[in-house]
Amino acid sequence: MEAYCVKCKAKKEMSDSEEVTMKNGRKALKGKCPTCGTGMYRILGKK
């Protein structure tokens, strides 16, 4: 899954991604940037 890295300022393919549930019940993907190792987060749709 692609996500935006704020450190690299570019969209990259997330590595070590895992699906998590936020406090409000929505799903999100949490992973790391393959280039710099910064944490990346992508909120998924309601489906």
Protein backbone atom coordinates (compact mmCIF):
# COMPACT_ATOMS: atom_id res chain seq x y z
CA MET A 1 0.00 0.00 0.00
CA GLU A 2 1.25 3.45 -0.88
CA ALA A 3 1.41 6.23 1.70
CA TYR A 4 2.94 9.70 1.99
CA CYS A 5 6.25 10.10 3.83
CA VAL A 6 6.54 13.54 5.43
CA LYS A 7 10.32 13.29 5.76
CA CYS A 8 10.98 12.31 2.10
CA LYS A 9 8.03 14.45 0.88
CA ALA A 10 6.95 11.73 -1.56
CA LYS A 11 4.51 8.83 -1.88
CA LYS A 12 6.24 5.51 -1.26
CA GLU A 13 5.34 1.86 -0.87
CA MET A 14 4.99 1.15 2.86
CA SER A 15 7.11 -1.63 4.37
CA ASP A 16 6.29 -3.68 7.49
CA SER A 17 2.66 -2.57 7.23
CA GLU A 18 0.00 -3.83 9.61
CA GLU A 19 -3.70 -3.05 9.89
CA VAL A 20 -4.77 -1.30 13.09
CA THR A 21 -8.10 0.00 14.41
CA MET A 22 -8.24 3.60 15.58
CA LYS A 23 -10.18 4.79 18.67
CA ASN A 24 -13.16 5.81 16.54
CA GLY A 25 -13.41 2.31 15.02
CA ARG A 26 -12.00 3.08 11.58
CA LYS A 27 -9.26 0.96 10.04
CA ALA A 28 -5.77 2.25 9.20
CA LEU A 29 -2.45 0.91 7.96
CA LYS A 30 0.69 1.57 9.96
CA GLY A 31 4.16 0.95 8.56
CA LYS A 32 7.60 2.36 7.82
CA CYS A 33 9.20 4.24 4.93
CA PRO A 34 11.62 1.92 3.07
CA THR A 35 14.08 4.80 2.46
CA CYS A 36 14.36 6.70 5.76
CA GLY A 37 12.55 4.43 8.25
CA THR A 38 10.07 7.10 9.38
CA GLY A 39 6.68 5.87 10.60
CA MET A 40 3.91 6.10 7.97
CA TYR A 41 0.15 6.01 8.54
CA ARG A 42 -2.72 5.66 6.05
CA ILE A 43 -6.39 5.85 7.00
CA LEU A 44 -8.53 3.38 5.06
CA GLY A 45 -12.11 3.75 3.87
CA LYS A 46 -15.20 2.80 5.85
CA LYS A 47 -15.56 -0.58 4.09
